């Protein structure tokens, strides 16, 4: 990771690249409308770039003393190189700045890589949402609910 990483607030101009990133990274990607709504609502929305190339993005909702990580994505060719951890720590820092004392997230039960990343970064499982996510077979997959004290 010798090239400079740049974290920047997500802008409307970023949405084409963000939506493309979502489509290549997620089986059920967030839509352009969801990202636009998040920006309009003032959610803490971030992009991560390296040498001008979008590597990942995240959207965080901070309300009262809680924060909720709504989406965090690292493009496939950049995964496994520590960028997800850097992006996660960036949004954790933003949640702290917003006076949040804890952060919540949901992750697919089948996404063991993400669960391991969250566990290494201080998140622990606090529950399960049955049938929360759609899956490729038209069925539903559980979400693991995780929390981290900030």
Protein backbone atom coordinates (compact mmCIF):
# COMPACT_ATOMS: atom_id res chain seq x y z
CA UNK A 1 0.00 0.00 0.00
CA UNK A 2 2.71 2.46 -0.90
CA UNK A 3 0.51 4.68 -3.11
CA UNK A 4 -1.47 7.36 -1.31
CA UNK A 5 -4.96 6.47 -0.16
CA UNK A 6 -7.53 9.23 -0.21
CA UNK A 7 -10.76 9.13 1.80
CA UNK A 8 -13.27 11.67 0.55
CA UNK A 9 -16.92 12.41 1.23
CA UNK A 10 -19.06 10.75 -1.44
CA UNK A 11 -20.53 13.23 -3.92
CA UNK A 12 -23.28 12.91 -6.52
CA UNK A 13 -20.53 12.90 -9.16
CA UNK A 14 -19.17 9.70 -7.59
CA UNK A 15 -22.38 7.70 -8.02
CA UNK A 16 -21.59 6.20 -11.44
CA UNK A 17 -18.33 4.74 -10.11
CA UNK A 18 -19.89 3.72 -6.79
CA UNK A 19 -22.81 1.94 -8.47
CA UNK A 20 -20.41 0.19 -10.86
CA UNK A 21 -18.35 -0.90 -7.85
CA UNK A 22 -21.47 -2.23 -6.13
CA UNK A 23 -22.49 -4.19 -9.22
CA UNK A 24 -19.12 -5.89 -9.53
CA UNK A 25 -18.85 -6.55 -5.79
CA UNK A 26 -22.29 -7.54 -4.51
CA UNK A 27 -24.78 -10.15 -5.60
CA UNK A 28 -27.58 -7.79 -4.54
CA UNK A 29 -26.04 -4.33 -4.94
CA UNK A 30 -27.37 -1.09 -3.58
CA UNK A 31 -29.07 1.00 -6.26
CA UNK A 32 -28.14 4.47 -7.41
CA UNK A 33 -31.34 5.70 -5.74
CA UNK A 34 -30.28 4.29 -2.36
CA UNK A 35 -26.92 6.04 -2.55
CA UNK A 36 -28.53 9.28 -3.73
CA UNK A 37 -31.07 9.10 -0.90
CA UNK A 38 -28.26 8.54 1.61
CA UNK A 39 -26.41 11.59 0.34
CA UNK A 40 -29.58 13.68 0.37
CA UNK A 41 -30.32 12.57 3.95
CA UNK A 42 -26.84 13.59 5.05
CA UNK A 43 -25.54 10.13 5.95
CA UNK A 44 -21.78 9.91 6.38
CA UNK A 45 -20.89 8.53 2.94
CA UNK A 46 -17.31 7.94 1.87
CA UNK A 47 -15.21 6.85 -1.06
CA UNK A 48 -11.70 5.46 -0.91
CA UNK A 49 -9.37 6.07 -3.84
CA UNK A 50 -5.84 5.09 -4.66
CA UNK A 51 -4.13 7.05 -7.41
CA UNK A 52 -7.56 8.39 -8.42
CA UNK A 53 -9.12 4.93 -8.80
CA UNK A 54 -12.16 4.09 -6.70
CA UNK A 55 -11.27 1.18 -4.44
CA UNK A 56 -14.25 1.17 -2.11
CA UNK A 57 -17.04 3.06 -0.46
CA UNK A 58 -19.08 3.08 2.73
CA UNK A 59 -22.26 4.62 4.12
CA UNK A 60 -22.72 5.23 7.82
CA UNK A 61 -25.80 6.44 9.65
CA UNK A 62 -25.04 8.13 12.96
CA UNK A 63 -28.00 9.01 15.14
CA UNK A 64 -27.96 9.93 18.81
CA UNK A 65 -25.26 7.77 20.42
CA UNK A 66 -25.47 4.95 17.85
CA UNK A 67 -24.05 4.43 14.41
CA UNK A 68 -25.08 1.89 11.80
CA UNK A 69 -22.77 0.78 9.02
CA UNK A 70 -25.24 0.45 6.16
CA UNK A 71 -22.86 -0.60 3.40
CA UNK A 72 -19.14 -1.09 3.00
CA UNK A 73 -17.68 -2.35 -0.24
CA UNK A 74 -14.20 -2.95 -1.61
CA UNK A 75 -13.99 -3.73 -5.31
CA UNK A 76 -13.00 -7.38 -5.96
CA UNK A 77 -9.56 -6.71 -7.45
CA UNK A 78 -8.62 -4.72 -4.32
CA UNK A 79 -9.92 -7.19 -1.75
CA UNK A 80 -7.54 -9.05 0.55
CA UNK A 81 -5.05 -6.19 0.64
CA UNK A 82 -6.13 -4.41 3.80
CA UNK A 83 -8.29 -1.75 2.14
CA UNK A 84 -11.48 -3.02 3.78
CA UNK A 85 -9.88 -2.67 7.21
CA UNK A 86 -8.70 0.86 6.40
CA UNK A 87 -12.15 1.86 5.15
CA UNK A 88 -13.81 0.32 8.20
CA UNK A 89 -11.50 2.18 10.58
CA UNK A 90 -12.19 5.39 8.70
CA UNK A 91 -15.95 5.09 9.23
CA UNK A 92 -15.41 4.07 12.86
CA UNK A 93 -13.46 7.31 13.33
CA UNK A 94 -16.32 9.26 11.69
CA UNK A 95 -18.81 7.58 14.04
CA UNK A 96 -16.69 8.64 17.02
CA UNK A 97 -16.60 12.21 15.69
CA UNK A 98 -20.41 12.09 15.58
CA UNK A 99 -20.38 11.16 19.30
CA UNK A 100 -21.56 7.60 18.72
CA UNK A 101 -20.70 5.21 21.53
CA UNK A 102 -21.35 2.04 19.52
CA UNK A 103 -21.61 0.82 15.94
CA UNK A 104 -23.92 -1.83 14.54
CA UNK A 105 -23.87 -3.70 11.26
CA UNK A 106 -25.45 -6.68 9.56
CA UNK A 107 -23.45 -9.17 7.50
CA UNK A 108 -24.55 -12.21 5.52
CA UNK A 109 -24.20 -15.42 7.50
CA UNK A 110 -22.28 -16.88 4.54
CA UNK A 111 -19.79 -13.99 4.38
CA UNK A 112 -17.12 -15.46 6.65
CA UNK A 113 -14.38 -13.18 5.31
CA UNK A 114 -16.28 -10.03 6.33
CA UNK A 115 -17.22 -11.55 9.68
CA UNK A 116 -13.53 -12.27 10.34
CA UNK A 117 -12.58 -8.69 9.43
CA UNK A 118 -15.24 -7.28 11.74
CA UNK A 119 -14.19 -9.63 14.54
CA UNK A 120 -10.56 -8.51 14.22
CA UNK A 121 -11.74 -4.92 14.44
CA UNK A 122 -13.63 -5.38 17.70
CA UNK A 123 -17.11 -6.29 16.52
CA UNK A 124 -18.94 -9.18 18.15
CA UNK A 125 -22.08 -11.03 17.20
CA UNK A 126 -25.11 -9.93 19.19
CA UNK A 127 -27.92 -11.53 17.23
CA UNK A 128 -29.31 -12.89 14.02
CA UNK A 129 -32.00 -11.65 11.65
CA UNK A 130 -33.65 -14.68 10.08
CA UNK A 131 -34.22 -14.43 6.34
CA UNK A 132 -32.90 -10.87 6.16
CA UNK A 133 -31.07 -11.07 2.83
CA UNK A 134 -32.27 -12.47 -0.50
CA UNK A 135 -30.10 -15.22 -1.96
CA UNK A 136 -29.41 -16.42 -5.48
CA UNK A 137 -31.86 -19.33 -5.24
CA UNK A 138 -34.80 -17.05 -4.48
CA UNK A 139 -34.65 -17.99 -0.83
CA UNK A 140 -33.53 -15.87 2.11
CA UNK A 141 -30.29 -15.81 4.08
CA UNK A 142 -29.78 -14.85 7.71
CA UNK A 143 -27.92 -11.72 8.73
CA UNK A 144 -25.49 -11.76 11.61
CA UNK A 145 -25.93 -8.60 13.68
CA UNK A 146 -22.65 -7.31 15.08
CA UNK A 147 -21.77 -4.48 17.45
CA UNK A 148 -18.65 -2.65 18.51
CA UNK A 149 -18.25 -0.30 21.43
CA UNK A 150 -16.59 2.94 20.36
